[in-house]
């Protein structure tokens, strides 16, 4: 499933181009058949022209349906499936997180040492620019949830959000996006497969020059999913 979604996402432009060429070709055939149908004087000619007209119309409708399906998959389905949307960083190491500040008045870039206690509201979060609003710091989560927050900085490049278990130095990238988000869904997080316990969740936003700003990091508790 993820492979198929990744394919329609990666080759979106080419799919639209192919569909456009096919649509233009059969639109021309439709117009020709329409002209032949109007000028046909005999029954056999009219039947032949009508058959060509029907076939061209059927192909045009099919191409339109494919275009709508492609748009729906890329716009609404791919962003909700972890791993389906690629991270647009051909020359960047997404695991590297330099700590720089936004401006003189912003919160200094603090990358917490795994195992250390975070401030109650998290660290590095800048309201309106880099912020996780749901789940909140200290909240308990279970199952599939949506990460809600803001990734909106000047010269925005892309964002990603990651998780790591407390006392574990390995960060796992959950999902990324290349469109700014303001108080909306950043993406899903399926906690059902995680070992219950305390986890860090951080949002990393990178500008279009490849500079990753100080991440917004909160601590949450993952609980076991309810038994079915």
C-alpha atoms as a PDB file:
ATOM      1  CA  UNK A   1       0.000   0.000   0.000  1.00  0.00           C
ATOM      2  CA  UNK A   2       2.739   2.480   0.962  1.00  0.00           C
ATOM      3  CA  UNK A   3       4.720   1.604  -2.173  1.00  0.00           C
ATOM      4  CA  UNK A   4       1.718   2.327  -4.397  1.00  0.00           C
ATOM      5  CA  UNK A   5       1.012   5.628  -2.643  1.00  0.00           C
ATOM      6  CA  UNK A   6       4.682   6.597  -2.834  1.00  0.00           C
ATOM      7  CA  UNK A   7       4.602   5.884  -6.584  1.00  0.00           C
ATOM      8  CA  UNK A   8       1.581   8.122  -7.278  1.00  0.00           C
ATOM      9  CA  UNK A   9       3.154  10.825  -5.097  1.00  0.00           C
ATOM     10  CA  UNK A  10       6.640  10.699  -6.652  1.00  0.00           C
ATOM     11  CA  UNK A  11       5.383  10.596 -10.243  1.00  0.00           C
ATOM     12  CA  UNK A  12       2.424  12.944  -9.792  1.00  0.00           C
ATOM     13  CA  UNK A  13       3.572  15.422 -12.465  1.00  0.00           C
ATOM     14  CA  UNK A  14       4.316  12.709 -15.017  1.00  0.00           C
ATOM     15  CA  UNK A  15       0.952  11.072 -14.405  1.00  0.00           C
ATOM     16  CA  UNK A  16      -0.815  14.379 -14.998  1.00  0.00           C
ATOM     17  CA  UNK A  17       1.201  14.931 -18.189  1.00  0.00           C
ATOM     18  CA  UNK A  18       0.319  11.482 -19.538  1.00  0.00           C
ATOM     19  CA  UNK A  19      -3.342  11.934 -18.680  1.00  0.00           C
ATOM     20  CA  UNK A  20      -3.304  15.364 -20.311  1.00  0.00           C
ATOM     21  CA  UNK A  21      -1.799  14.028 -23.540  1.00  0.00           C
ATOM     22  CA  UNK A  22      -4.317  11.179 -23.679  1.00  0.00           C
ATOM     23  CA  UNK A  23      -7.179  13.585 -22.950  1.00  0.00           C
ATOM     24  CA  UNK A  24      -6.059  15.984 -25.708  1.00  0.00           C
ATOM     25  CA  UNK A  25      -5.746  13.142 -28.224  1.00  0.00           C
ATOM     26  CA  UNK A  26      -9.181  11.728 -27.533  1.00  0.00           C
ATOM     27  CA  UNK A  27     -10.754  15.160 -27.343  1.00  0.00           C
ATOM     28  CA  UNK A  28      -9.569  15.710 -30.896  1.00  0.00           C
ATOM     29  CA  UNK A  29     -10.991  12.324 -31.935  1.00  0.00           C
ATOM     30  CA  UNK A  30     -14.241  13.223 -30.189  1.00  0.00           C
ATOM     31  CA  UNK A  31     -14.538  16.465 -32.148  1.00  0.00           C
ATOM     32  CA  UNK A  32     -13.751  14.697 -35.433  1.00  0.00           C
ATOM     33  CA  UNK A  33     -16.350  11.998 -34.723  1.00  0.00           C
ATOM     34  CA  UNK A  34     -18.871  14.676 -33.779  1.00  0.00           C
ATOM     35  CA  UNK A  35     -18.316  16.409 -37.108  1.00  0.00           C
ATOM     36  CA  UNK A  36     -18.607  13.133 -39.007  1.00  0.00           C
ATOM     37  CA  UNK A  37     -21.847  12.317 -37.187  1.00  0.00           C
ATOM     38  CA  UNK A  38     -23.368  15.668 -38.138  1.00  0.00           C
ATOM     39  CA  UNK A  39     -22.389  15.283 -41.779  1.00  0.00           C
ATOM     40  CA  UNK A  40     -23.248  11.590 -42.167  1.00  0.00           C
ATOM     41  CA  UNK A  41     -26.043  11.010 -44.659  1.00  0.00           C
ATOM     42  CA  UNK A  42     -26.374   7.235 -44.530  1.00  0.00           C
ATOM     43  CA  UNK A  43     -27.211   4.911 -41.669  1.00  0.00           C
ATOM     44  CA  UNK A  44     -23.923   2.987 -41.742  1.00  0.00           C
ATOM     45  CA  UNK A  45     -21.910   6.201 -41.695  1.00  0.00           C
ATOM     46  CA  UNK A  46     -23.923   7.495 -38.754  1.00  0.00           C
ATOM     47  CA  UNK A  47     -23.455   4.231 -36.823  1.00  0.00           C
ATOM     48  CA  UNK A  48     -19.703   4.276 -37.403  1.00  0.00           C
ATOM     49  CA  UNK A  49     -19.397   7.928 -36.380  1.00  0.00           C
ATOM     50  CA  UNK A  50     -21.601   7.349 -33.327  1.00  0.00           C
ATOM     51  CA  UNK A  51     -19.415   4.405 -32.239  1.00  0.00           C
ATOM     52  CA  UNK A  52     -16.263   6.539 -32.519  1.00  0.00           C
ATOM     53  CA  UNK A  53     -17.961   9.347 -30.639  1.00  0.00           C
ATOM     54  CA  UNK A  54     -19.044   7.020 -27.826  1.00  0.00           C
ATOM     55  CA  UNK A  55     -15.591   5.456 -27.538  1.00  0.00           C
ATOM     56  CA  UNK A  56     -13.848   8.838 -27.400  1.00  0.00           C
ATOM     57  CA  UNK A  57     -16.303  10.080 -24.777  1.00  0.00           C
ATOM     58  CA  UNK A  58     -15.768   6.959 -22.670  1.00  0.00           C
ATOM     59  CA  UNK A  59     -11.993   7.397 -22.729  1.00  0.00           C
ATOM     60  CA  UNK A  60     -12.301  11.084 -21.780  1.00  0.00           C
ATOM     61  CA  UNK A  61     -14.517  10.222 -18.817  1.00  0.00           C
ATOM     62  CA  UNK A  62     -12.086   7.481 -17.729  1.00  0.00           C
ATOM     63  CA  UNK A  63      -9.123   9.879 -17.951  1.00  0.00           C
ATOM     64  CA  UNK A  64     -11.052  12.447 -15.900  1.00  0.00           C
ATOM     65  CA  UNK A  65     -11.784   9.830 -13.224  1.00  0.00           C
ATOM     66  CA  UNK A  66      -8.097   8.842 -13.105  1.00  0.00           C
ATOM     67  CA  UNK A  67      -7.120  12.486 -12.688  1.00  0.00           C
ATOM     68  CA  UNK A  68      -9.574  12.956  -9.821  1.00  0.00           C
ATOM     69  CA  UNK A  69      -8.351   9.765  -8.134  1.00  0.00           C
ATOM     70  CA  UNK A  70      -4.711  10.863  -8.485  1.00  0.00           C
ATOM     71  CA  UNK A  71      -5.503  14.268  -6.991  1.00  0.00           C
ATOM     72  CA  UNK A  72      -7.445  12.739  -4.097  1.00  0.00           C
ATOM     73  CA  UNK A  73      -4.698  10.236  -3.285  1.00  0.00           C
ATOM     74  CA  UNK A  74      -1.901  12.817  -3.316  1.00  0.00           C
ATOM     75  CA  UNK A  75      -3.849  15.534  -1.506  1.00  0.00           C
ATOM     76  CA  UNK A  76      -5.789  13.584   1.124  1.00  0.00           C
ATOM     77  CA  UNK A  77      -4.550   9.990   1.445  1.00  0.00           C
ATOM     78  CA  UNK A  78      -0.751  10.228   1.173  1.00  0.00           C
ATOM     79  CA  UNK A  79      -0.361  12.808   4.007  1.00  0.00           C
ATOM     80  CA  UNK A  80      -2.183  10.475   6.418  1.00  0.00           C
ATOM     81  CA  UNK A  81      -0.095   7.363   5.695  1.00  0.00           C
ATOM     82  CA  UNK A  82       3.280   7.264   7.504  1.00  0.00           C
ATOM     83  CA  UNK A  83       6.104   6.568   5.052  1.00  0.00           C
ATOM     84  CA  UNK A  84       4.097   7.327   1.908  1.00  0.00           C
ATOM     85  CA  UNK A  85       5.261  10.930   1.546  1.00  0.00           C
ATOM     86  CA  UNK A  86       9.002  11.254   0.876  1.00  0.00           C
ATOM     87  CA  UNK A  87      11.218  13.724   2.679  1.00  0.00           C
ATOM     88  CA  UNK A  88      12.331  16.324   0.132  1.00  0.00           C
ATOM     89  CA  UNK A  89      15.974  16.588   1.194  1.00  0.00           C
ATOM     90  CA  UNK A  90      18.217  15.359  -1.662  1.00  0.00           C
ATOM     91  CA  UNK A  91      21.384  16.881  -0.199  1.00  0.00           C
ATOM     92  CA  UNK A  92      20.565  17.177   3.481  1.00  0.00           C
ATOM     93  CA  UNK A  93      21.086  14.821   6.363  1.00  0.00           C
ATOM     94  CA  UNK A  94      17.695  14.851   8.066  1.00  0.00           C
ATOM     95  CA  UNK A  95      19.087  13.264  11.197  1.00  0.00           C
ATOM     96  CA  UNK A  96      21.394  16.218  11.770  1.00  0.00           C
ATOM     97  CA  UNK A  97      19.740  18.898  13.861  1.00  0.00           C
ATOM     98  CA  UNK A  98      21.891  22.028  14.253  1.00  0.00           C
ATOM     99  CA  UNK A  99      20.675  24.275  17.043  1.00  0.00           C
ATOM    100  CA  UNK A 100      20.276  27.881  15.956  1.00  0.00           C
ATOM    101  CA  UNK A 101      17.967  30.558  17.322  1.00  0.00           C
ATOM    102  CA  UNK A 102      15.203  32.272  15.372  1.00  0.00           C
ATOM    103  CA  UNK A 103      16.037  35.777  16.557  1.00  0.00           C
ATOM    104  CA  UNK A 104      17.276  37.678  19.547  1.00  0.00           C
ATOM    105  CA  UNK A 105      13.942  37.417  21.334  1.00  0.00           C
ATOM    106  CA  UNK A 106      13.221  33.758  20.692  1.00  0.00           C
ATOM    107  CA  UNK A 107      13.827  30.910  23.055  1.00  0.00           C
ATOM    108  CA  UNK A 108      17.469  29.744  22.949  1.00  0.00           C
ATOM    109  CA  UNK A 109      18.009  26.478  21.135  1.00  0.00           C
ATOM    110  CA  UNK A 110      18.029  23.768  23.763  1.00  0.00           C
ATOM    111  CA  UNK A 111      18.416  20.205  22.620  1.00  0.00           C
ATOM    112  CA  UNK A 112      17.589  18.096  25.667  1.00  0.00           C
ATOM    113  CA  UNK A 113      19.930  15.394  26.778  1.00  0.00           C
ATOM    114  CA  UNK A 114      17.985  12.171  26.535  1.00  0.00           C
ATOM    115  CA  UNK A 115      17.159  11.055  30.008  1.00  0.00           C
ATOM    116  CA  UNK A 116      17.093  14.599  31.395  1.00  0.00           C
ATOM    117  CA  UNK A 117      13.867  16.146  32.591  1.00  0.00           C
ATOM    118  CA  UNK A 118      12.316  18.673  30.221  1.00  0.00           C
ATOM    119  CA  UNK A 119      10.635  21.863  31.404  1.00  0.00           C
ATOM    120  CA  UNK A 120       6.889  21.317  31.993  1.00  0.00           C
ATOM    121  CA  UNK A 121       5.951  22.984  28.699  1.00  0.00           C
ATOM    122  CA  UNK A 122       8.729  21.429  26.643  1.00  0.00           C
ATOM    123  CA  UNK A 123      11.793  23.131  25.208  1.00  0.00           C
ATOM    124  CA  UNK A 124      12.609  25.113  22.089  1.00  0.00           C
ATOM    125  CA  UNK A 125       8.955  25.772  21.183  1.00  0.00           C
ATOM    126  CA  UNK A 126       8.187  29.158  19.621  1.00  0.00           C
ATOM    127  CA  UNK A 127       4.453  29.974  19.431  1.00  0.00           C
ATOM    128  CA  UNK A 128       3.341  30.707  15.899  1.00  0.00           C
ATOM    129  CA  UNK A 129       6.528  29.312  14.378  1.00  0.00           C
ATOM    130  CA  UNK A 130       7.648  25.965  15.802  1.00  0.00           C
ATOM    131  CA  UNK A 131       5.134  24.450  18.182  1.00  0.00           C
ATOM    132  CA  UNK A 132       3.395  21.193  19.103  1.00  0.00           C
ATOM    133  CA  UNK A 133      -0.039  21.864  20.595  1.00  0.00           C
ATOM    134  CA  UNK A 134      -1.422  18.323  20.636  1.00  0.00           C
ATOM    135  CA  UNK A 135      -0.556  16.173  22.350  1.00  0.00           C
ATOM    136  CA  UNK A 136       0.401  18.550  25.115  1.00  0.00           C
ATOM    137  CA  UNK A 137       3.538  18.129  27.187  1.00  0.00           C
ATOM    138  CA  UNK A 138       3.043  15.447  29.821  1.00  0.00           C
ATOM    139  CA  UNK A 139      -0.055  14.010  28.144  1.00  0.00           C
ATOM    140  CA  UNK A 140      -0.762  10.295  27.838  1.00  0.00           C
ATOM    141  CA  UNK A 141      -1.383   8.932  24.342  1.00  0.00           C
ATOM    142  CA  UNK A 142      -2.402   5.590  22.903  1.00  0.00           C
ATOM    143  CA  UNK A 143      -3.138   4.143  19.479  1.00  0.00           C
ATOM    144  CA  UNK A 144      -3.238   6.298  16.345  1.00  0.00           C
ATOM    145  CA  UNK A 145      -3.252  10.036  17.011  1.00  0.00           C
ATOM    146  CA  UNK A 146      -2.733  13.214  15.012  1.00  0.00           C
ATOM    147  CA  UNK A 147       0.142  15.542  15.813  1.00  0.00           C
ATOM    148  CA  UNK A 148      -1.176  19.097  15.760  1.00  0.00           C
ATOM    149  CA  UNK A 149       0.991  22.166  15.779  1.00  0.00           C
ATOM    150  CA  UNK A 150       2.680  24.880  13.759  1.00  0.00           C
ATOM    151  CA  UNK A 151       5.620  24.770  11.349  1.00  0.00           C
ATOM    152  CA  UNK A 152       5.760  28.249   9.868  1.00  0.00           C
ATOM    153  CA  UNK A 153       9.048  30.144   9.735  1.00  0.00           C
ATOM    154  CA  UNK A 154      10.488  32.707   7.322  1.00  0.00           C
ATOM    155  CA  UNK A 155      12.043  31.033   4.266  1.00  0.00           C
ATOM    156  CA  UNK A 156      10.349  27.748   5.179  1.00  0.00           C
ATOM    157  CA  UNK A 157      11.858  24.613   3.678  1.00  0.00           C
ATOM    158  CA  UNK A 158      10.345  21.561   5.311  1.00  0.00           C
ATOM    159  CA  UNK A 159       9.529  20.044   8.678  1.00  0.00           C
ATOM    160  CA  UNK A 160       9.767  16.639  10.270  1.00  0.00           C
ATOM    161  CA  UNK A 161       8.720  15.214  13.588  1.00  0.00           C
ATOM    162  CA  UNK A 162      10.573  12.523  15.481  1.00  0.00           C
ATOM    163  CA  UNK A 163      10.329  10.446  18.620  1.00  0.00           C
ATOM    164  CA  UNK A 164      12.764   8.788  20.977  1.00  0.00           C
ATOM    165  CA  UNK A 165      12.239   6.836  24.144  1.00  0.00           C
ATOM    166  CA  UNK A 166      13.572   8.505  27.256  1.00  0.00           C
ATOM    167  CA  UNK A 167      17.091   7.212  27.993  1.00  0.00           C
ATOM    168  CA  UNK A 168      17.487   6.133  24.332  1.00  0.00           C
ATOM    169  CA  UNK A 169      19.700   8.217  22.035  1.00  0.00           C
ATOM    170  CA  UNK A 170      18.055   7.030  18.813  1.00  0.00           C
ATOM    171  CA  UNK A 171      15.596   9.407  17.179  1.00  0.00           C
ATOM    172  CA  UNK A 172      13.051   7.910  14.805  1.00  0.00           C
ATOM    173  CA  UNK A 173      11.684  10.179  12.066  1.00  0.00           C
ATOM    174  CA  UNK A 174       7.943   9.615  11.885  1.00  0.00           C
ATOM    175  CA  UNK A 175       6.929  11.861   8.983  1.00  0.00           C
ATOM    176  CA  UNK A 176       7.859  15.017   7.129  1.00  0.00           C
ATOM    177  CA  UNK A 177       6.166  17.690   5.057  1.00  0.00           C
ATOM    178  CA  UNK A 178       7.154  20.507   2.713  1.00  0.00           C
ATOM    179  CA  UNK A 179       4.105  22.742   3.241  1.00  0.00           C
ATOM    180  CA  UNK A 180       3.758  25.211   6.112  1.00  0.00           C
ATOM    181  CA  UNK A 181       1.262  24.266   8.811  1.00  0.00           C
ATOM    182  CA  UNK A 182      -0.401  26.692  11.230  1.00  0.00           C
ATOM    183  CA  UNK A 183      -2.342  25.197  14.133  1.00  0.00           C
ATOM    184  CA  UNK A 184      -3.277  22.173  12.059  1.00  0.00           C
ATOM    185  CA  UNK A 185      -2.415  18.516  11.607  1.00  0.00           C
ATOM    186  CA  UNK A 186       1.293  17.933  11.046  1.00  0.00           C
ATOM    187  CA  UNK A 187       0.706  14.235  10.508  1.00  0.00           C
ATOM    188  CA  UNK A 188      -0.252  10.972  12.228  1.00  0.00           C
ATOM    189  CA  UNK A 189       1.580   9.004  14.911  1.00  0.00           C
ATOM    190  CA  UNK A 190       0.743   5.357  15.468  1.00  0.00           C
ATOM    191  CA  UNK A 191       1.833   4.546  19.015  1.00  0.00           C
ATOM    192  CA  UNK A 192       0.210   1.103  19.076  1.00  0.00           C
ATOM    193  CA  UNK A 193       3.468  -0.676  18.248  1.00  0.00           C
ATOM    194  CA  UNK A 194       5.575   1.174  20.793  1.00  0.00           C
ATOM    195  CA  UNK A 195       6.545  -0.184  24.155  1.00  0.00           C
ATOM    196  CA  UNK A 196       4.539   1.715  26.776  1.00  0.00           C
ATOM    197  CA  UNK A 197       6.600   4.306  28.568  1.00  0.00           C
ATOM    198  CA  UNK A 198       7.870   7.872  28.426  1.00  0.00           C
ATOM    199  CA  UNK A 199       8.855   9.294  25.046  1.00  0.00           C
ATOM    200  CA  UNK A 200      10.171  12.528  23.635  1.00  0.00           C
ATOM    201  CA  UNK A 201       8.353  14.005  20.640  1.00  0.00           C
ATOM    202  CA  UNK A 202      10.070  16.776  18.758  1.00  0.00           C
ATOM    203  CA  UNK A 203       9.300  18.969  15.762  1.00  0.00           C
ATOM    204  CA  UNK A 204      12.247  20.054  13.606  1.00  0.00           C
ATOM    205  CA  UNK A 205      11.764  22.830  11.054  1.00  0.00           C
ATOM    206  CA  UNK A 206      14.382  23.583   8.388  1.00  0.00           C
ATOM    207  CA  UNK A 207      14.565  26.675   6.205  1.00  0.00           C
ATOM    208  CA  UNK A 208      15.167  26.660   2.460  1.00  0.00           C
ATOM    209  CA  UNK A 209      18.894  27.160   3.017  1.00  0.00           C
ATOM    210  CA  UNK A 210      19.154  23.866   4.905  1.00  0.00           C
ATOM    211  CA  UNK A 211      19.396  25.385   8.384  1.00  0.00           C
ATOM    212  CA  UNK A 212      17.473  23.353  10.973  1.00  0.00           C
ATOM    213  CA  UNK A 213      16.224  25.556  13.789  1.00  0.00           C
ATOM    214  CA  UNK A 214      16.096  24.516  17.425  1.00  0.00           C
ATOM    215  CA  UNK A 215      13.513  21.725  17.715  1.00  0.00           C
ATOM    216  CA  UNK A 216      10.350  21.984  19.761  1.00  0.00           C
ATOM    217  CA  UNK A 217      10.533  19.004  22.124  1.00  0.00           C
ATOM    218  CA  UNK A 218       7.918  17.699  24.545  1.00  0.00           C
ATOM    219  CA  UNK A 219       7.654  14.584  26.673  1.00  0.00           C
ATOM    220  CA  UNK A 220       4.603  12.328  26.557  1.00  0.00           C
ATOM    221  CA  UNK A 221       3.651   8.966  27.988  1.00  0.00           C
ATOM    222  CA  UNK A 222       2.647   6.191  25.601  1.00  0.00           C
ATOM    223  CA  UNK A 223       0.101   3.819  27.076  1.00  0.00           C
ATOM    224  CA  UNK A 224      -0.777   0.336  25.906  1.00  0.00           C
ATOM    225  CA  UNK A 225      -3.688   0.238  23.460  1.00  0.00           C
ATOM    226  CA  UNK A 226      -6.979  -1.067  24.837  1.00  0.00           C
ATOM    227  CA  UNK A 227      -7.480  -4.794  24.557  1.00  0.00           C
ATOM    228  CA  UNK A 228      -9.941  -5.858  21.887  1.00  0.00           C
END
